[in-house]
Amino acid sequence: MTLNENLIFLRSFIQSPKRVGSLMPSSRFLANAMVKHAPWHDMKAAAELGSGTGAITRQIQARATEATKVFLFEMDAAMRNNLQAEYPRFTCHADATHLVETIQQANVEQLDCIFSGLPFFNFERKLRDALVEQIHSALKPGGQFIAFQYSLQMKKQLTETFVIDKVEFVPLNFPPAFVYVCRKREINKLQ
């Protein structure tokens, strides 16, 4: 993490604390905890919501194959421009509430995994619901949604839509965080 990335992150937090959610970018410990649960051996397409300065993106790039399509979503224009310059193989987009439309425009039907650093509980309920619906719709059956949060407040809402396989506490981050490893419920097929 460079000083410039930290300054960009801090500036974004000061301008919009509810949207950014933290004073500092994610630690390498949190980034590793986020990506270690993903099915990298079979990953065709993935997205990262709230990519920020790329702490988790770096770990995604280290594990994704050349064939893996990766979509990055970041509202902050300065951060998004930096991401596009640093990760030219990935596509960068502004608004995760258009996740399904964005992947379909790239001829991707569904995603294998979605990573998220979005501070869901800072958002109005309507926005939170819209994001969860987009995530659910974009994932293939059994696809993973891996998100970090600074509290357990989202557990109830996520349980309504996903199977939560694990919640991992990551103390070596500022602030300490919880990584939710969720899975899209498989649709029961009629026999």
C-alpha atoms as a PDB file:
ATOM      1  CA  MET A   1       0.000   0.000   0.000  1.00  0.00           C
ATOM      2  CA  THR A   2       1.559   3.276  -1.071  1.00  0.00           C
ATOM      3  CA  LEU A   3       1.311   6.594   0.729  1.00  0.00           C
ATOM      4  CA  ASN A   4      -0.586   7.948  -2.282  1.00  0.00           C
ATOM      5  CA  GLU A   5      -3.198   5.155  -2.004  1.00  0.00           C
ATOM      6  CA  ASN A   6      -3.622   5.845   1.718  1.00  0.00           C
ATOM      7  CA  LEU A   7      -4.100   9.569   1.026  1.00  0.00           C
ATOM      8  CA  ILE A   8      -6.663   8.892  -1.714  1.00  0.00           C
ATOM      9  CA  PHE A   9      -8.548   6.563   0.635  1.00  0.00           C
ATOM     10  CA  LEU A  10      -8.463   9.069   3.514  1.00  0.00           C
ATOM     11  CA  ARG A  11      -9.656  11.892   1.228  1.00  0.00           C
ATOM     12  CA  SER A  12     -12.549   9.714   0.032  1.00  0.00           C
ATOM     13  CA  PHE A  13     -13.462   8.823   3.612  1.00  0.00           C
ATOM     14  CA  ILE A  14     -13.500  12.498   4.656  1.00  0.00           C
ATOM     15  CA  GLN A  15     -15.684  13.400   1.654  1.00  0.00           C
ATOM     16  CA  SER A  16     -18.112  10.512   2.136  1.00  0.00           C
ATOM     17  CA  PRO A  17     -17.605   8.501   5.347  1.00  0.00           C
ATOM     18  CA  LYS A  18     -20.825   6.481   5.046  1.00  0.00           C
ATOM     19  CA  ARG A  19     -19.935   5.335   1.538  1.00  0.00           C
ATOM     20  CA  VAL A  20     -16.267   4.510   2.249  1.00  0.00           C
ATOM     21  CA  GLY A  21     -16.826   3.059   5.728  1.00  0.00           C
ATOM     22  CA  SER A  22     -13.244   3.157   7.085  1.00  0.00           C
ATOM     23  CA  LEU A  23     -10.322   5.529   7.539  1.00  0.00           C
ATOM     24  CA  MET A  24      -7.834   3.049   6.104  1.00  0.00           C
ATOM     25  CA  PRO A  25      -7.760   0.477   3.286  1.00  0.00           C
ATOM     26  CA  SER A  26      -8.085  -3.221   4.124  1.00  0.00           C
ATOM     27  CA  SER A  27      -5.027  -4.937   5.578  1.00  0.00           C
ATOM     28  CA  ARG A  28      -3.264  -7.776   3.765  1.00  0.00           C
ATOM     29  CA  PHE A  29      -4.607 -10.092   6.488  1.00  0.00           C
ATOM     30  CA  LEU A  30      -8.177  -9.123   5.658  1.00  0.00           C
ATOM     31  CA  ALA A  31      -7.513  -9.325   1.907  1.00  0.00           C
ATOM     32  CA  ASN A  32      -6.085 -12.835   2.308  1.00  0.00           C
ATOM     33  CA  ALA A  33      -9.041 -13.903   4.467  1.00  0.00           C
ATOM     34  CA  MET A  34     -11.391 -12.671   1.738  1.00  0.00           C
ATOM     35  CA  VAL A  35      -9.874 -14.563  -1.185  1.00  0.00           C
ATOM     36  CA  LYS A  36      -8.754 -17.824   0.417  1.00  0.00           C
ATOM     37  CA  HIS A  37     -12.305 -19.233   0.477  1.00  0.00           C
ATOM     38  CA  ALA A  38     -13.024 -18.716  -3.237  1.00  0.00           C
ATOM     39  CA  PRO A  39     -13.114 -21.594  -5.754  1.00  0.00           C
ATOM     40  CA  TRP A  40     -10.139 -20.387  -7.812  1.00  0.00           C
ATOM     41  CA  HIS A  41      -9.698 -23.723  -9.600  1.00  0.00           C
ATOM     42  CA  ASP A  42     -13.047 -23.233 -11.362  1.00  0.00           C
ATOM     43  CA  MET A  43     -13.406 -19.432 -11.506  1.00  0.00           C
ATOM     44  CA  LYS A  44     -14.667 -18.162 -14.858  1.00  0.00           C
ATOM     45  CA  ALA A  45     -16.078 -14.800 -13.750  1.00  0.00           C
ATOM     46  CA  ALA A  46     -15.981 -12.758 -10.545  1.00  0.00           C
ATOM     47  CA  ALA A  47     -16.735  -9.268  -9.297  1.00  0.00           C
ATOM     48  CA  GLU A  48     -15.432  -7.098  -6.498  1.00  0.00           C
ATOM     49  CA  LEU A  49     -17.760  -4.468  -5.062  1.00  0.00           C
ATOM     50  CA  GLY A  50     -16.161  -1.465  -3.360  1.00  0.00           C
ATOM     51  CA  SER A  51     -12.664  -2.115  -4.704  1.00  0.00           C
ATOM     52  CA  GLY A  52     -11.237   1.051  -3.132  1.00  0.00           C
ATOM     53  CA  THR A  53      -7.466   1.253  -3.578  1.00  0.00           C
ATOM     54  CA  GLY A  54      -7.164  -2.408  -4.561  1.00  0.00           C
ATOM     55  CA  ALA A  55      -6.105  -4.231  -1.381  1.00  0.00           C
ATOM     56  CA  ILE A  56      -8.367  -7.183  -2.202  1.00  0.00           C
ATOM     57  CA  THR A  57      -7.996  -6.657  -5.956  1.00  0.00           C
ATOM     58  CA  ARG A  58      -4.264  -7.422  -5.643  1.00  0.00           C
ATOM     59  CA  GLN A  59      -5.108 -10.780  -4.072  1.00  0.00           C
ATOM     60  CA  ILE A  60      -7.705 -11.490  -6.763  1.00  0.00           C
ATOM     61  CA  GLN A  61      -5.165 -10.721  -9.497  1.00  0.00           C
ATOM     62  CA  ALA A  62      -2.614 -13.038  -7.862  1.00  0.00           C
ATOM     63  CA  ARG A  63      -5.090 -15.958  -7.961  1.00  0.00           C
ATOM     64  CA  ALA A  64      -7.246 -15.401 -11.056  1.00  0.00           C
ATOM     65  CA  THR A  65      -6.245 -17.094 -14.299  1.00  0.00           C
ATOM     66  CA  GLU A  66      -5.869 -15.197 -17.574  1.00  0.00           C
ATOM     67  CA  ALA A  67      -9.249 -16.618 -18.599  1.00  0.00           C
ATOM     68  CA  THR A  68     -11.085 -15.311 -15.503  1.00  0.00           C
ATOM     69  CA  LYS A  69     -13.228 -12.250 -16.228  1.00  0.00           C
ATOM     70  CA  VAL A  70     -13.097  -9.817 -13.312  1.00  0.00           C
ATOM     71  CA  PHE A  71     -15.420  -6.839 -12.845  1.00  0.00           C
ATOM     72  CA  LEU A  72     -14.419  -4.136 -10.349  1.00  0.00           C
ATOM     73  CA  PHE A  73     -16.986  -1.714  -8.937  1.00  0.00           C
ATOM     74  CA  GLU A  74     -15.939   1.526  -7.228  1.00  0.00           C
ATOM     75  CA  MET A  75     -18.023   4.698  -6.880  1.00  0.00           C
ATOM     76  CA  ASP A  76     -15.091   7.030  -6.188  1.00  0.00           C
ATOM     77  CA  ALA A  77     -13.783   8.281  -9.560  1.00  0.00           C
ATOM     78  CA  ALA A  78     -10.166   8.803  -8.418  1.00  0.00           C
ATOM     79  CA  MET A  79      -9.970   5.302  -6.950  1.00  0.00           C
ATOM     80  CA  ARG A  80     -11.689   3.831 -10.023  1.00  0.00           C
ATOM     81  CA  ASN A  81      -9.178   5.530 -12.355  1.00  0.00           C
ATOM     82  CA  ASN A  82      -6.273   4.182 -10.295  1.00  0.00           C
ATOM     83  CA  LEU A  83      -7.769   0.682 -10.386  1.00  0.00           C
ATOM     84  CA  GLN A  84      -8.200   0.810 -14.162  1.00  0.00           C
ATOM     85  CA  ALA A  85      -4.571   1.909 -14.597  1.00  0.00           C
ATOM     86  CA  GLU A  86      -3.219  -0.734 -12.193  1.00  0.00           C
ATOM     87  CA  TYR A  87      -5.459  -3.608 -13.367  1.00  0.00           C
ATOM     88  CA  PRO A  88      -5.978  -3.097 -17.117  1.00  0.00           C
ATOM     89  CA  ARG A  89      -7.095  -6.734 -17.586  1.00  0.00           C
ATOM     90  CA  PHE A  90     -10.094  -6.121 -15.294  1.00  0.00           C
ATOM     91  CA  THR A  91     -13.017  -3.861 -16.169  1.00  0.00           C
ATOM     92  CA  CYS A  92     -13.965  -1.011 -13.825  1.00  0.00           C
ATOM     93  CA  HIS A  93     -17.477   0.264 -13.225  1.00  0.00           C
ATOM     94  CA  ALA A  94     -19.037   2.911 -10.999  1.00  0.00           C
ATOM     95  CA  ASP A  95     -22.330   1.484  -9.758  1.00  0.00           C
ATOM     96  CA  ALA A  96     -22.828  -1.973  -8.234  1.00  0.00           C
ATOM     97  CA  THR A  97     -26.613  -1.498  -8.325  1.00  0.00           C
ATOM     98  CA  HIS A  98     -26.219  -2.238 -12.069  1.00  0.00           C
ATOM     99  CA  LEU A  99     -24.202  -5.414 -11.513  1.00  0.00           C
ATOM    100  CA  VAL A 100     -26.448  -7.788 -13.488  1.00  0.00           C
ATOM    101  CA  GLU A 101     -26.767  -5.409 -16.439  1.00  0.00           C
ATOM    102  CA  THR A 102     -22.993  -4.795 -16.458  1.00  0.00           C
ATOM    103  CA  ILE A 103     -22.007  -8.472 -16.585  1.00  0.00           C
ATOM    104  CA  GLN A 104     -24.669  -9.269 -19.198  1.00  0.00           C
ATOM    105  CA  GLN A 105     -23.345  -6.485 -21.432  1.00  0.00           C
ATOM    106  CA  ALA A 106     -19.996  -8.305 -21.269  1.00  0.00           C
ATOM    107  CA  ASN A 107     -21.698 -11.578 -22.304  1.00  0.00           C
ATOM    108  CA  VAL A 108     -21.359 -13.107 -18.828  1.00  0.00           C
ATOM    109  CA  GLU A 109     -24.533 -14.834 -17.704  1.00  0.00           C
ATOM    110  CA  GLN A 110     -23.648 -15.354 -14.032  1.00  0.00           C
ATOM    111  CA  LEU A 111     -20.676 -15.003 -11.681  1.00  0.00           C
ATOM    112  CA  ASP A 112     -18.895 -17.736  -9.764  1.00  0.00           C
ATOM    113  CA  CYS A 113     -17.964 -15.419  -6.903  1.00  0.00           C
ATOM    114  CA  ILE A 114     -18.564 -11.866  -5.699  1.00  0.00           C
ATOM    115  CA  PHE A 115     -16.253 -10.192  -3.193  1.00  0.00           C
ATOM    116  CA  SER A 116     -17.460  -7.132  -1.323  1.00  0.00           C
ATOM    117  CA  GLY A 117     -15.916  -4.461   0.828  1.00  0.00           C
ATOM    118  CA  LEU A 118     -19.066  -2.323   0.766  1.00  0.00           C
ATOM    119  CA  PRO A 119     -20.109  -0.967   4.179  1.00  0.00           C
ATOM    120  CA  PHE A 120     -23.665  -2.323   3.815  1.00  0.00           C
ATOM    121  CA  PHE A 121     -24.934  -1.239   7.200  1.00  0.00           C
ATOM    122  CA  ASN A 122     -24.014   2.398   6.464  1.00  0.00           C
ATOM    123  CA  PHE A 123     -26.444   2.392   3.533  1.00  0.00           C
ATOM    124  CA  GLU A 124     -30.167   3.126   3.562  1.00  0.00           C
ATOM    125  CA  ARG A 125     -32.245  -0.065   3.665  1.00  0.00           C
ATOM    126  CA  LYS A 126     -33.510   0.492   0.094  1.00  0.00           C
ATOM    127  CA  LEU A 127     -29.944   0.632  -1.293  1.00  0.00           C
ATOM    128  CA  ARG A 128     -28.878  -2.351   0.833  1.00  0.00           C
ATOM    129  CA  ASP A 129     -31.808  -4.395  -0.466  1.00  0.00           C
ATOM    130  CA  ALA A 130     -31.083  -3.406  -4.081  1.00  0.00           C
ATOM    131  CA  LEU A 131     -27.428  -4.433  -3.734  1.00  0.00           C
ATOM    132  CA  VAL A 132     -28.257  -7.778  -2.105  1.00  0.00           C
ATOM    133  CA  GLU A 133     -30.799  -8.473  -4.876  1.00  0.00           C
ATOM    134  CA  GLN A 134     -28.228  -7.646  -7.579  1.00  0.00           C
ATOM    135  CA  ILE A 135     -25.634  -9.876  -5.912  1.00  0.00           C
ATOM    136  CA  HIS A 136     -28.098 -12.749  -5.602  1.00  0.00           C
ATOM    137  CA  SER A 137     -29.250 -12.410  -9.222  1.00  0.00           C
ATOM    138  CA  ALA A 138     -25.695 -12.159 -10.583  1.00  0.00           C
ATOM    139  CA  LEU A 139     -24.425 -15.309  -8.838  1.00  0.00           C
ATOM    140  CA  LYS A 140     -24.788 -18.775 -10.325  1.00  0.00           C
ATOM    141  CA  PRO A 141     -26.590 -21.335  -8.132  1.00  0.00           C
ATOM    142  CA  GLY A 142     -24.107 -22.318  -5.426  1.00  0.00           C
ATOM    143  CA  GLY A 143     -21.950 -19.266  -6.255  1.00  0.00           C
ATOM    144  CA  GLN A 144     -20.107 -17.565  -3.416  1.00  0.00           C
ATOM    145  CA  PHE A 145     -20.607 -14.134  -1.927  1.00  0.00           C
ATOM    146  CA  ILE A 146     -17.667 -13.203   0.294  1.00  0.00           C
ATOM    147  CA  ALA A 147     -17.997  -9.908   2.146  1.00  0.00           C
ATOM    148  CA  PHE A 148     -16.299  -8.186   5.016  1.00  0.00           C
ATOM    149  CA  GLN A 149     -18.114  -6.020   7.528  1.00  0.00           C
ATOM    150  CA  TYR A 150     -17.055  -4.300  10.730  1.00  0.00           C
ATOM    151  CA  SER A 151     -19.933  -5.797  12.723  1.00  0.00           C
ATOM    152  CA  LEU A 152     -22.362  -8.712  12.677  1.00  0.00           C
ATOM    153  CA  GLN A 153     -25.331  -6.455  11.886  1.00  0.00           C
ATOM    154  CA  MET A 154     -25.757  -7.806   8.340  1.00  0.00           C
ATOM    155  CA  LYS A 155     -25.916 -11.453   9.413  1.00  0.00           C
ATOM    156  CA  LYS A 156     -29.725 -11.535   9.696  1.00  0.00           C
ATOM    157  CA  GLN A 157     -30.307  -9.935   6.285  1.00  0.00           C
ATOM    158  CA  LEU A 158     -27.707 -12.122   4.566  1.00  0.00           C
ATOM    159  CA  THR A 159     -29.252 -15.263   6.115  1.00  0.00           C
ATOM    160  CA  GLU A 160     -32.544 -14.392   4.412  1.00  0.00           C
ATOM    161  CA  THR A 161     -30.915 -14.646   0.976  1.00  0.00           C
ATOM    162  CA  PHE A 162     -27.818 -16.836   1.324  1.00  0.00           C
ATOM    163  CA  VAL A 163     -26.483 -19.823   3.198  1.00  0.00           C
ATOM    164  CA  ILE A 164     -23.737 -18.492   5.483  1.00  0.00           C
ATOM    165  CA  ASP A 165     -21.023 -21.151   5.482  1.00  0.00           C
ATOM    166  CA  LYS A 166     -18.667 -19.291   7.782  1.00  0.00           C
ATOM    167  CA  VAL A 167     -18.049 -16.003   9.566  1.00  0.00           C
ATOM    168  CA  GLU A 168     -14.360 -15.424  10.218  1.00  0.00           C
ATOM    169  CA  PHE A 169     -13.078 -12.730  12.581  1.00  0.00           C
ATOM    170  CA  VAL A 170      -9.979 -10.862  11.333  1.00  0.00           C
ATOM    171  CA  PRO A 171      -8.417  -8.919  14.236  1.00  0.00           C
ATOM    172  CA  LEU A 172      -5.379  -7.707  12.231  1.00  0.00           C
ATOM    173  CA  ASN A 173      -7.220  -4.953  10.399  1.00  0.00           C
ATOM    174  CA  PHE A 174      -8.224  -1.413  11.362  1.00  0.00           C
ATOM    175  CA  PRO A 175     -10.934  -1.674  12.442  1.00  0.00           C
ATOM    176  CA  PRO A 176     -11.093  -5.452  13.039  1.00  0.00           C
ATOM    177  CA  ALA A 177     -13.487  -7.100  10.587  1.00  0.00           C
ATOM    178  CA  PHE A 178     -15.736 -10.099  10.022  1.00  0.00           C
ATOM    179  CA  VAL A 179     -15.545 -12.031   6.750  1.00  0.00           C
ATOM    180  CA  TYR A 180     -18.868 -13.577   5.738  1.00  0.00           C
ATOM    181  CA  VAL A 181     -18.497 -16.580   3.422  1.00  0.00           C
ATOM    182  CA  CYS A 182     -21.931 -17.028   1.864  1.00  0.00           C
ATOM    183  CA  ARG A 183     -23.351 -19.262  -0.843  1.00  0.00           C
ATOM    184  CA  LYS A 184     -26.319 -18.743  -3.129  1.00  0.00           C
ATOM    185  CA  ARG A 185     -28.951 -21.309  -2.318  1.00  0.00           C
ATOM    186  CA  GLU A 186     -29.390 -23.985  -4.982  1.00  0.00           C
ATOM    187  CA  ILE A 187     -32.881 -24.131  -6.442  1.00  0.00           C
ATOM    188  CA  ASN A 188     -34.546 -27.439  -5.666  1.00  0.00           C
ATOM    189  CA  LYS A 189     -35.418 -29.131  -8.940  1.00  0.00           C
ATOM    190  CA  LEU A 190     -38.701 -30.992  -9.214  1.00  0.00           C
ATOM    191  CA  GLN A 191     -38.159 -34.677  -9.930  1.00  0.00           C
END
